[in-house]
Protein backbone atom coordinates (compact mmCIF):
# COMPACT_ATOMS: atom_id res chain seq x y z
CA UNK A 1 -21.25 -74.56 -151.28
CA UNK A 2 -19.15 -77.33 -149.71
CA UNK A 3 -19.46 -75.63 -146.32
CA UNK A 4 -23.25 -75.62 -146.67
CA UNK A 5 -23.26 -79.33 -147.53
CA UNK A 6 -21.13 -80.02 -144.45
CA UNK A 7 -23.74 -78.27 -142.28
CA UNK A 8 -26.55 -80.31 -143.81
CA UNK A 9 -24.58 -83.52 -143.26
CA UNK A 10 -23.80 -82.69 -139.62
CA UNK A 11 -27.41 -81.83 -138.79
CA UNK A 12 -28.63 -84.98 -140.56
CA UNK A 13 -26.11 -87.03 -138.57
CA UNK A 14 -27.34 -85.54 -135.27
CA UNK A 15 -30.94 -86.37 -136.12
CA UNK A 16 -30.01 -89.88 -137.25
CA UNK A 17 -27.97 -90.91 -134.23
CA UNK A 18 -30.39 -89.42 -131.71
CA UNK A 19 -33.70 -90.40 -133.30
CA UNK A 20 -32.81 -93.80 -134.77
CA UNK A 21 -29.99 -95.12 -132.61
CA UNK A 22 -31.04 -93.34 -129.40
CA UNK A 23 -27.59 -91.90 -128.78
CA UNK A 24 -27.59 -89.20 -126.09
CA UNK A 25 -28.14 -85.74 -127.66
CA UNK A 26 -25.26 -84.50 -125.50
CA UNK A 27 -22.81 -86.93 -127.12
CA UNK A 28 -24.28 -86.38 -130.59
CA UNK A 29 -23.96 -82.59 -130.36
CA UNK A 30 -20.50 -82.69 -128.82
CA UNK A 31 -19.35 -85.16 -131.44
CA UNK A 32 -20.78 -82.98 -134.23
CA UNK A 33 -19.01 -79.96 -132.77
CA UNK A 34 -15.63 -81.70 -132.64
CA UNK A 35 -16.09 -83.22 -136.09
CA UNK A 36 -17.11 -79.81 -137.41
CA UNK A 37 -13.83 -78.24 -136.27
CA UNK A 38 -11.98 -80.61 -138.64
CA UNK A 39 -14.42 -80.45 -141.54
CA UNK A 40 -14.47 -76.64 -141.45
CA UNK A 41 -10.69 -76.52 -141.19
CA UNK A 42 -10.62 -74.60 -137.92
CA UNK A 43 -6.96 -74.46 -136.75
CA UNK A 44 -6.11 -77.26 -134.35
CA UNK A 45 -4.95 -74.84 -131.65
CA UNK A 46 -8.40 -73.19 -131.74
CA UNK A 47 -10.64 -76.22 -132.19
CA UNK A 48 -10.80 -77.42 -128.59
CA UNK A 49 -11.00 -73.92 -127.13
CA UNK A 50 -13.88 -73.03 -129.48
CA UNK A 51 -15.87 -75.97 -128.16
CA UNK A 52 -14.99 -75.65 -124.48
CA UNK A 53 -15.36 -71.88 -124.27
CA UNK A 54 -18.82 -71.94 -125.88
CA UNK A 55 -19.84 -74.80 -123.59
CA UNK A 56 -18.60 -72.97 -120.50
CA UNK A 57 -19.89 -69.55 -121.50
CA UNK A 58 -23.38 -70.87 -122.17
CA UNK A 59 -23.59 -72.67 -118.85
CA UNK A 60 -22.18 -69.57 -117.20
CA UNK A 61 -24.88 -67.43 -118.76
CA UNK A 62 -27.96 -69.61 -118.26
CA UNK A 63 -26.78 -72.58 -116.17
CA UNK A 64 -27.82 -71.14 -112.82
CA UNK A 65 -31.04 -69.85 -114.36
CA UNK A 66 -31.92 -73.38 -115.47
CA UNK A 67 -30.99 -74.84 -112.07
CA UNK A 68 -32.93 -72.34 -109.96
CA UNK A 69 -35.85 -72.41 -112.39
CA UNK A 70 -35.95 -76.19 -112.18
CA UNK A 71 -35.87 -76.01 -108.37
CA UNK A 72 -38.86 -73.69 -108.40
CA UNK A 73 -40.63 -75.98 -110.86
CA UNK A 74 -40.13 -79.11 -108.74
CA UNK A 75 -41.47 -77.34 -105.64
CA UNK A 76 -44.45 -76.00 -107.60
CA UNK A 77 -45.25 -79.51 -108.77
CA UNK A 78 -44.77 -81.35 -105.49
CA UNK A 79 -46.62 -78.77 -103.40
CA UNK A 80 -49.66 -78.68 -105.69
CA UNK A 81 -49.01 -75.02 -106.58
CA UNK A 82 -48.84 -75.82 -110.30
CA UNK A 83 -52.29 -77.39 -110.06
CA UNK A 84 -53.63 -74.33 -108.24
CA UNK A 85 -52.24 -72.04 -110.96
CA UNK A 86 -53.68 -74.16 -113.73
CA UNK A 87 -57.13 -74.04 -112.12
CA UNK A 88 -57.04 -70.24 -111.91
CA UNK A 89 -55.86 -69.65 -115.48
CA UNK A 90 -58.28 -72.12 -117.00
CA UNK A 91 -61.15 -70.56 -115.04
CA UNK A 92 -60.22 -67.17 -116.50
CA UNK A 93 -59.77 -68.26 -120.11
CA UNK A 94 -61.80 -71.45 -120.15
CA UNK A 95 -60.93 -75.11 -120.48
CA UNK A 96 -61.51 -75.00 -124.22
CA UNK A 97 -58.41 -72.92 -124.94
CA UNK A 98 -55.34 -74.38 -123.16
CA UNK A 99 -53.08 -73.77 -126.15
CA UNK A 100 -54.15 -70.13 -126.36
CA UNK A 101 -53.43 -69.85 -122.64
CA UNK A 102 -49.86 -71.05 -123.09
CA UNK A 103 -49.27 -68.88 -126.16
CA UNK A 104 -50.43 -65.69 -124.42
CA UNK A 105 -48.46 -66.44 -121.25
CA UNK A 106 -45.31 -67.05 -123.29
CA UNK A 107 -45.95 -63.95 -125.42
CA UNK A 108 -46.05 -61.73 -122.33
CA UNK A 109 -43.30 -63.40 -120.32
CA UNK A 110 -40.62 -63.35 -123.04
CA UNK A 111 -40.65 -59.59 -123.48
CA UNK A 112 -38.28 -59.11 -120.53
CA UNK A 113 -37.10 -62.73 -120.12
CA UNK A 114 -34.91 -64.91 -122.36
CA UNK A 115 -37.10 -67.58 -123.91
CA UNK A 116 -34.91 -70.38 -122.48
CA UNK A 117 -35.40 -69.05 -118.96
CA UNK A 118 -39.10 -68.40 -119.56
CA UNK A 119 -39.72 -71.98 -120.63
CA UNK A 120 -37.90 -73.36 -117.61
CA UNK A 121 -39.91 -71.13 -115.29
CA UNK A 122 -43.26 -71.89 -116.93
CA UNK A 123 -42.80 -75.58 -117.67
CA UNK A 124 -44.46 -76.79 -114.47
CA UNK A 125 -47.47 -74.60 -115.24
CA UNK A 126 -47.57 -75.97 -118.80
CA UNK A 127 -47.53 -79.53 -117.49
CA UNK A 128 -50.37 -78.81 -115.08
CA UNK A 129 -52.50 -77.19 -117.79
CA UNK A 130 -51.75 -80.09 -120.15
CA UNK A 131 -52.96 -82.59 -117.56
CA UNK A 132 -55.96 -80.42 -116.65
CA UNK A 133 -57.10 -80.07 -120.27
CA UNK A 134 -56.34 -83.68 -121.22
CA UNK A 135 -54.55 -82.84 -124.47
CA UNK A 136 -51.21 -83.75 -125.99
CA UNK A 137 -48.07 -82.24 -124.50
CA UNK A 138 -46.96 -81.62 -128.08
CA UNK A 139 -49.61 -78.93 -128.44
CA UNK A 140 -48.97 -77.04 -125.20
CA UNK A 141 -45.20 -77.31 -125.60
CA UNK A 142 -45.35 -75.91 -129.11
CA UNK A 143 -47.76 -73.16 -128.06
CA UNK A 144 -45.61 -72.06 -125.12
CA UNK A 145 -42.37 -72.28 -127.10
CA UNK A 146 -43.64 -70.18 -129.99
CA UNK A 147 -45.33 -67.65 -127.71
CA UNK A 148 -42.00 -67.12 -125.97
CA UNK A 149 -40.06 -67.15 -129.23
CA UNK A 150 -42.18 -64.45 -130.89
CA UNK A 151 -41.57 -61.54 -128.52
CA UNK A 152 -38.05 -62.75 -127.69
CA UNK A 153 -36.96 -61.97 -131.23
CA UNK A 154 -39.03 -58.87 -131.98
CA UNK A 155 -39.79 -56.77 -128.91
CA UNK A 156 -37.28 -54.67 -126.94
CA UNK A 157 -36.06 -54.64 -124.21
CA UNK A 158 -35.12 -58.22 -125.10
CA UNK A 159 -31.36 -57.93 -125.86
CA UNK A 160 -31.51 -59.09 -129.51
CA UNK A 161 -33.92 -56.54 -130.99
CA UNK A 162 -32.52 -53.85 -128.70
CA UNK A 163 -29.01 -54.53 -130.06
CA UNK A 164 -30.36 -54.46 -133.63
CA UNK A 165 -31.94 -51.07 -132.99
CA UNK A 166 -28.60 -49.81 -131.70
CA UNK A 167 -26.70 -51.26 -134.68
CA UNK A 168 -29.09 -49.65 -137.17
CA UNK A 169 -29.08 -46.35 -135.26
CA UNK A 170 -32.78 -46.29 -134.36
CA UNK A 171 -32.55 -46.67 -130.59
CA UNK A 172 -34.37 -43.34 -130.33
CA UNK A 173 -37.29 -44.97 -132.16
CA UNK A 174 -38.01 -47.65 -129.55
CA UNK A 175 -41.40 -46.03 -129.08
CA UNK A 176 -42.17 -47.15 -132.66
CA UNK A 177 -40.27 -50.46 -132.64
CA UNK A 178 -41.97 -51.80 -129.51
CA UNK A 179 -45.62 -51.45 -130.65
CA UNK A 180 -44.79 -52.66 -134.16
CA UNK A 181 -42.82 -55.54 -132.67
CA UNK A 182 -45.77 -56.43 -130.45
CA UNK A 183 -48.05 -56.47 -133.48
CA UNK A 184 -45.75 -58.54 -135.68
CA UNK A 185 -44.96 -60.99 -132.89
CA UNK A 186 -48.66 -61.39 -132.04
CA UNK A 187 -49.49 -62.31 -135.65
CA UNK A 188 -46.56 -64.75 -135.70
CA UNK A 189 -47.60 -66.30 -132.37
CA UNK A 190 -51.18 -66.75 -133.58
CA UNK A 191 -49.99 -68.46 -136.77
CA UNK A 192 -47.92 -70.88 -134.69
CA UNK A 193 -50.90 -71.36 -132.35
CA UNK A 194 -53.00 -72.59 -135.25
CA UNK A 195 -50.32 -75.17 -135.99
CA UNK A 196 -50.01 -76.13 -132.30
CA UNK A 197 -53.78 -76.61 -132.03
CA UNK A 198 -53.59 -79.27 -134.75
CA UNK A 199 -51.39 -81.29 -132.39
CA UNK A 200 -53.85 -81.28 -129.48
CA UNK A 201 -54.81 -84.92 -129.93
CA UNK A 202 -51.64 -86.18 -131.60
CA UNK A 203 -50.10 -89.10 -129.76
CA UNK A 204 -46.34 -89.54 -129.55
CA UNK A 205 -43.89 -91.80 -127.76
CA UNK A 206 -42.71 -89.49 -125.00
CA UNK A 207 -39.27 -89.82 -123.49
CA UNK A 208 -39.32 -91.53 -120.07
CA UNK A 209 -40.53 -89.32 -117.24
CA UNK A 210 -37.86 -88.24 -114.79
CA UNK A 211 -40.14 -89.19 -111.91
CA UNK A 212 -43.03 -91.59 -111.43
CA UNK A 213 -45.10 -88.76 -109.95
CA UNK A 214 -44.60 -86.51 -112.98
CA UNK A 215 -47.77 -84.47 -113.56
CA UNK A 216 -48.12 -85.53 -117.18
CA UNK A 217 -48.33 -89.25 -116.42
CA UNK A 218 -51.27 -89.07 -114.01
CA UNK A 219 -55.00 -88.51 -114.27
CA UNK A 220 -55.62 -84.86 -113.45
CA UNK A 221 -58.54 -85.28 -111.05
CA UNK A 222 -56.80 -88.06 -109.13
CA UNK A 223 -53.66 -85.98 -109.03
CA UNK A 224 -55.54 -82.92 -107.74
CA UNK A 225 -57.24 -84.93 -105.01
CA UNK A 226 -53.92 -86.42 -103.89
CA UNK A 227 -52.70 -82.99 -102.76
CA UNK A 228 -55.65 -82.37 -100.47
CA UNK A 229 -56.00 -78.65 -99.89
CA UNK A 230 -54.13 -76.76 -102.60
CA UNK A 231 -52.01 -73.68 -101.85
CA UNK A 232 -53.66 -70.27 -102.11
CA UNK A 233 -53.39 -69.01 -105.72
CA UNK A 234 -51.49 -65.88 -104.62
CA UNK A 235 -48.80 -68.00 -102.95
CA UNK A 236 -48.80 -70.41 -105.89
CA UNK A 237 -48.11 -67.66 -108.43
CA UNK A 238 -45.57 -65.78 -106.30
CA UNK A 239 -42.49 -67.96 -107.08
CA UNK A 240 -43.09 -67.36 -110.80
CA UNK A 241 -44.62 -63.89 -110.70
CA UNK A 242 -41.99 -62.32 -108.43
CA UNK A 243 -38.94 -63.10 -110.61
CA UNK A 244 -40.80 -62.16 -113.79
CA UNK A 245 -41.82 -58.77 -112.39
CA UNK A 246 -38.30 -58.13 -111.10
CA UNK A 247 -36.70 -59.08 -114.42
CA UNK A 248 -39.15 -56.85 -116.28
CA UNK A 249 -38.49 -53.88 -114.01
CA UNK A 250 -34.74 -54.45 -114.28
CA UNK A 251 -34.96 -54.45 -118.08
CA UNK A 252 -37.04 -51.26 -118.13
CA UNK A 253 -34.59 -49.56 -115.79
CA UNK A 254 -31.81 -50.11 -118.32
CA UNK A 255 -33.65 -48.58 -121.28
CA UNK A 256 -31.80 -45.66 -122.95
CA UNK A 257 -34.42 -43.17 -121.74
CA UNK A 258 -33.65 -44.05 -118.09
CA UNK A 259 -37.35 -44.16 -117.09
CA UNK A 260 -36.51 -44.63 -113.40
CA UNK A 261 -33.69 -42.10 -113.44
CA UNK A 262 -30.26 -42.85 -112.03
CA UNK A 263 -29.04 -43.60 -108.55
CA UNK A 264 -29.38 -46.25 -105.88
CA UNK A 265 -33.02 -47.11 -106.68
CA UNK A 266 -32.26 -47.85 -110.32
CA UNK A 267 -29.12 -49.78 -109.39
CA UNK A 268 -31.18 -51.88 -106.99
CA UNK A 269 -33.79 -52.61 -109.66
CA UNK A 270 -31.11 -53.66 -112.13
CA UNK A 271 -29.50 -55.94 -109.52
CA UNK A 272 -32.77 -57.53 -108.40
CA UNK A 273 -33.82 -57.89 -112.04
CA UNK A 274 -30.78 -60.00 -112.90
CA UNK A 275 -32.34 -63.38 -113.80
CA UNK A 276 -30.23 -65.34 -111.30
CA UNK A 277 -31.04 -62.99 -108.40
CA UNK A 278 -34.72 -62.80 -109.37
CA UNK A 279 -34.97 -66.60 -109.47
CA UNK A 280 -33.22 -66.96 -106.11
CA UNK A 281 -35.89 -64.68 -104.65
CA UNK A 282 -38.51 -66.79 -106.42
CA UNK A 283 -37.01 -69.90 -104.84
CA UNK A 284 -37.21 -68.26 -101.42
CA UNK A 285 -40.88 -67.54 -102.08
CA UNK A 286 -41.36 -71.18 -103.11
CA UNK A 287 -40.08 -72.36 -99.73
CA UNK A 288 -43.36 -71.20 -98.17
CA UNK A 289 -45.22 -73.69 -100.38
CA UNK A 290 -43.47 -76.65 -98.74
CA UNK A 291 -45.88 -77.94 -96.12
CA UNK A 292 -46.35 -80.91 -93.85
CA UNK A 293 -44.03 -82.42 -91.28
CA UNK A 294 -40.26 -81.88 -91.41
CA UNK A 295 -40.40 -79.10 -94.03
CA UNK A 296 -36.61 -78.80 -94.16
CA UNK A 297 -36.25 -82.46 -95.12
CA UNK A 298 -38.90 -82.15 -97.84
CA UNK A 299 -37.27 -78.98 -99.15
CA UNK A 300 -33.86 -80.69 -99.37
CA UNK A 301 -35.42 -83.65 -101.19
CA UNK A 302 -37.01 -81.28 -103.71
CA UNK A 303 -33.72 -79.49 -104.30
CA UNK A 304 -31.83 -82.77 -104.78
CA UNK A 305 -34.44 -83.92 -107.27
CA UNK A 306 -34.27 -80.63 -109.16
CA UNK A 307 -30.49 -80.88 -109.53
CA UNK A 308 -30.85 -84.40 -110.92
CA UNK A 309 -33.49 -83.25 -113.41
CA UNK A 310 -31.47 -80.18 -114.47
CA UNK A 311 -28.17 -82.00 -115.07
CA UNK A 312 -28.92 -83.57 -118.49
CA UNK A 313 -30.56 -80.37 -119.68
CA UNK A 314 -27.44 -78.40 -118.78
CA UNK A 315 -25.18 -80.82 -120.63
CA UNK A 316 -27.30 -80.86 -123.77
CA UNK A 317 -27.69 -77.08 -123.75
CA UNK A 318 -23.93 -76.57 -123.43
CA UNK A 319 -23.18 -79.08 -126.19
CA UNK A 320 -25.67 -77.37 -128.49
CA UNK A 321 -23.93 -74.06 -127.88
CA UNK A 322 -20.56 -75.65 -128.66
CA UNK A 323 -21.90 -76.93 -131.99
CA UNK A 324 -23.24 -73.46 -132.78
CA UNK A 325 -19.89 -71.87 -131.92
CA UNK A 326 -18.06 -74.17 -134.32
CA UNK A 327 -20.45 -73.21 -137.12
CA UNK A 328 -20.08 -69.54 -136.23
CA UNK A 329 -16.27 -69.84 -136.42
CA UNK A 330 -16.45 -71.53 -139.82
CA UNK A 331 -16.51 -69.85 -143.26
CA UNK A 332 -20.18 -70.85 -143.55
CA UNK A 333 -21.73 -67.73 -142.03
CA UNK A 334 -19.65 -65.38 -144.22
CA UNK A 335 -20.52 -67.41 -147.31
CA UNK A 336 -24.24 -67.28 -146.61
CA UNK A 337 -24.29 -63.59 -145.69
CA UNK A 338 -22.27 -62.47 -148.73
CA UNK A 339 -24.24 -64.48 -151.28
CA UNK A 340 -27.64 -63.46 -149.92
CA UNK A 341 -26.70 -59.77 -149.59
CA UNK A 342 -25.84 -59.56 -153.30
CA UNK A 343 -29.39 -60.45 -154.36
CA UNK A 344 -30.76 -56.91 -153.79
CA UNK A 345 -34.25 -57.82 -152.58
CA UNK A 346 -35.04 -54.98 -150.14
CA UNK A 347 -36.44 -56.14 -146.79
CA UNK A 348 -36.02 -59.74 -147.87
CA UNK A 349 -32.24 -59.33 -147.58
CA UNK A 350 -32.07 -58.69 -143.79
CA UNK A 351 -34.63 -61.46 -143.30
CA UNK A 352 -32.64 -64.00 -145.32
CA UNK A 353 -29.31 -63.03 -143.77
CA UNK A 354 -30.69 -63.46 -140.24
CA UNK A 355 -32.42 -66.71 -141.24
CA UNK A 356 -29.19 -68.09 -142.68
CA UNK A 357 -27.23 -67.11 -139.58
CA UNK A 358 -29.87 -68.55 -137.27
CA UNK A 359 -30.03 -71.85 -139.11
CA UNK A 360 -26.24 -72.07 -139.30
CA UNK A 361 -25.22 -71.28 -135.73
CA UNK A 362 -28.35 -71.68 -133.59
CA UNK A 363 -28.53 -68.56 -131.43
CA UNK A 364 -31.32 -66.11 -132.27
CA UNK A 365 -29.55 -63.33 -130.41
CA UNK A 366 -26.32 -63.92 -132.35
CA UNK A 367 -28.31 -64.01 -135.60
CA UNK A 368 -29.99 -60.69 -134.79
CA UNK A 369 -26.81 -58.95 -133.66
CA UNK A 370 -24.66 -60.29 -136.50
CA UNK A 371 -27.38 -59.86 -139.12
CA UNK A 372 -28.03 -56.23 -138.19
CA UNK A 373 -24.30 -55.51 -138.26
CA UNK A 374 -24.04 -57.01 -141.75
CA UNK A 375 -26.94 -55.03 -143.20
CA UNK A 376 -26.13 -51.70 -141.51
CA UNK A 377 -23.86 -50.57 -144.39
CA UNK A 378 -26.36 -51.91 -146.94
CA UNK A 379 -29.42 -49.93 -145.84
CA UNK A 380 -28.97 -47.23 -148.46
CA UNK A 381 -28.54 -49.65 -151.37
CA UNK A 382 -31.55 -51.60 -150.14
CA UNK A 383 -33.73 -48.50 -149.98
CA UNK A 384 -34.04 -48.76 -146.21
CA UNK A 385 -32.02 -45.70 -145.14
CA UNK A 386 -35.05 -43.79 -143.82
CA UNK A 387 -36.08 -44.03 -140.16
CA UNK A 388 -39.07 -46.16 -141.07
CA UNK A 389 -36.93 -48.37 -143.30
CA UNK A 390 -34.39 -48.99 -140.54
CA UNK A 391 -37.19 -49.79 -138.06
CA UNK A 392 -38.66 -52.32 -140.47
CA UNK A 393 -35.18 -53.74 -141.04
CA UNK A 394 -34.92 -54.39 -137.28
CA UNK A 395 -38.19 -56.32 -137.44
CA UNK A 396 -37.12 -58.18 -140.61
CA UNK A 397 -33.92 -59.31 -138.90
CA UNK A 398 -35.94 -60.41 -135.87
CA UNK A 399 -38.28 -62.39 -138.12
CA UNK A 400 -35.36 -64.11 -139.80
CA UNK A 401 -33.88 -65.05 -136.44
CA UNK A 402 -36.80 -67.45 -135.90
CA UNK A 403 -35.90 -69.45 -139.03
CA UNK A 404 -35.52 -72.10 -137.64
CA UNK A 405 -34.98 -73.65 -134.22
CA UNK A 406 -33.24 -77.01 -134.60
CA UNK A 407 -30.39 -79.11 -133.21
CA UNK A 408 -27.85 -76.30 -132.81
CA UNK A 409 -30.27 -74.10 -130.83
CA UNK A 410 -30.18 -74.40 -127.04
CA UNK A 411 -33.87 -73.44 -126.89
CA UNK A 412 -34.74 -76.45 -129.05
CA UNK A 413 -33.11 -78.76 -126.51
CA UNK A 414 -34.54 -76.99 -123.46
CA UNK A 415 -38.07 -77.37 -124.84
CA UNK A 416 -37.72 -80.90 -126.21
CA UNK A 417 -36.01 -82.29 -123.11
CA UNK A 418 -38.25 -80.61 -120.53
CA UNK A 419 -41.32 -81.66 -122.53
CA UNK A 420 -40.00 -85.20 -123.10
CA UNK A 421 -40.33 -84.88 -126.89
CA UNK A 422 -38.07 -87.20 -128.95
CA UNK A 423 -35.72 -85.51 -131.40
CA UNK A 424 -37.47 -86.75 -134.53
CA UNK A 425 -40.86 -85.60 -133.26
CA UNK A 426 -39.40 -82.27 -132.16
CA UNK A 427 -38.16 -81.62 -135.70
CA UNK A 428 -41.64 -82.27 -137.10
CA UNK A 429 -43.36 -80.04 -134.53
CA UNK A 430 -41.11 -77.48 -132.81
CA UNK A 431 -38.90 -76.78 -135.83
CA UNK A 432 -41.88 -76.59 -138.17
CA UNK A 433 -43.71 -74.22 -135.83
CA UNK A 434 -40.78 -71.79 -135.69
CA UNK A 435 -40.54 -71.85 -139.48
CA UNK A 436 -44.23 -70.98 -139.72
CA UNK A 437 -43.98 -68.08 -137.32
CA UNK A 438 -40.79 -66.73 -138.86
CA UNK A 439 -42.34 -66.69 -142.33
CA UNK A 440 -45.55 -65.17 -140.96
CA UNK A 441 -43.64 -62.49 -139.09
CA UNK A 442 -41.77 -61.44 -142.23
CA UNK A 443 -44.98 -61.41 -144.28
CA UNK A 444 -46.44 -59.04 -141.68
CA UNK A 445 -43.35 -56.80 -141.84
CA UNK A 446 -43.61 -56.72 -145.63
CA UNK A 447 -47.27 -55.67 -145.42
CA UNK A 448 -46.30 -52.90 -143.00
CA UNK A 449 -43.68 -51.73 -145.47
CA UNK A 450 -46.39 -51.16 -148.09
CA UNK A 451 -47.93 -48.60 -145.75
CA UNK A 452 -44.83 -47.09 -144.14
CA UNK A 453 -42.34 -46.84 -147.03
């Protein structure tokens, strides 16, 4: 119980110093991580390495993805390509439904792509649609975040649910897990969309824009006219569409059934589908959007600007991972898992275990992987030892891994910082939205269990 109180105190301290005293989230998270190593009695010889390794590993895993994605985003904004994309999508779906647009885009994109990467890639499009529709960035940010978050946690071949299927020995049932995951995640995304739509006209004190020409601080029509002739929609979508298609194909190629067979072709798909490689190719495609005189100079200016914009996001993301690693190394996760597992509540057990792990250490993927490993030996006692029971357990763990995104989750910081949402406001909107969709997802899984078990 003391360990749980320490977690609550650390999270409260992060919110206090960032929201009230405007301390940098990077310093707040790093300070909480270092303080946590002492409060949780992590051996001194391991304390620093726990923090630094998590920081370095996280930046190693998604650092280049954030940088290249930000480069693509800056070029899309400055070339007018983001405006061209927004026009096309709104013409297809209608100007009345910008939040639905962002939810559906996120829902599709995050099946093969990590939600952090997906948000970075799609943020420029979100900003353009926000300006085009004239609504609050809170609404479109929440809609995109939760659309991405839904399939990220529930639909293979995203690594988390795929690992859970492997841990619970139902990899051969991916043909059942994927459609059920799509259904559950769609219901969860729609529930979060209803919440996001309530924010469409909610004003908030946004963090300062990184640039004076930021899309969200200008009138849309004046902004559109300032670009003159916009890029062709096909060229505008290519820097985003190309990496997404490559990542999707690379993920499919690695499925257990080997749908593309083996050999050089499959190896090439896997290589090109690596997020870093796919985004480099997307950046190359974005080069063709740079127009006007001295294109090389303009390109270099865009790249320099992108690096400046990405730097604070990288630091905050790494510090958030360090905080999560300290919590994961503490006795807290074992305490929560053991006490919840003893309650004997069927499908509610995998959901609560994953929710506790997610809230404690931040990473949804870690929560799914660890949660599924913890419940694997408990399936029989929980009445979930049938094929259908194990499949539903995978989905229950995925639902729990959404509960909830807050200060120790890198995705929380990626979304809040890119969308210029203050920490206090992000807790009221982003964190609340993930709680809604996690609870809705589990309710859907429970209803499915009434039919399947």
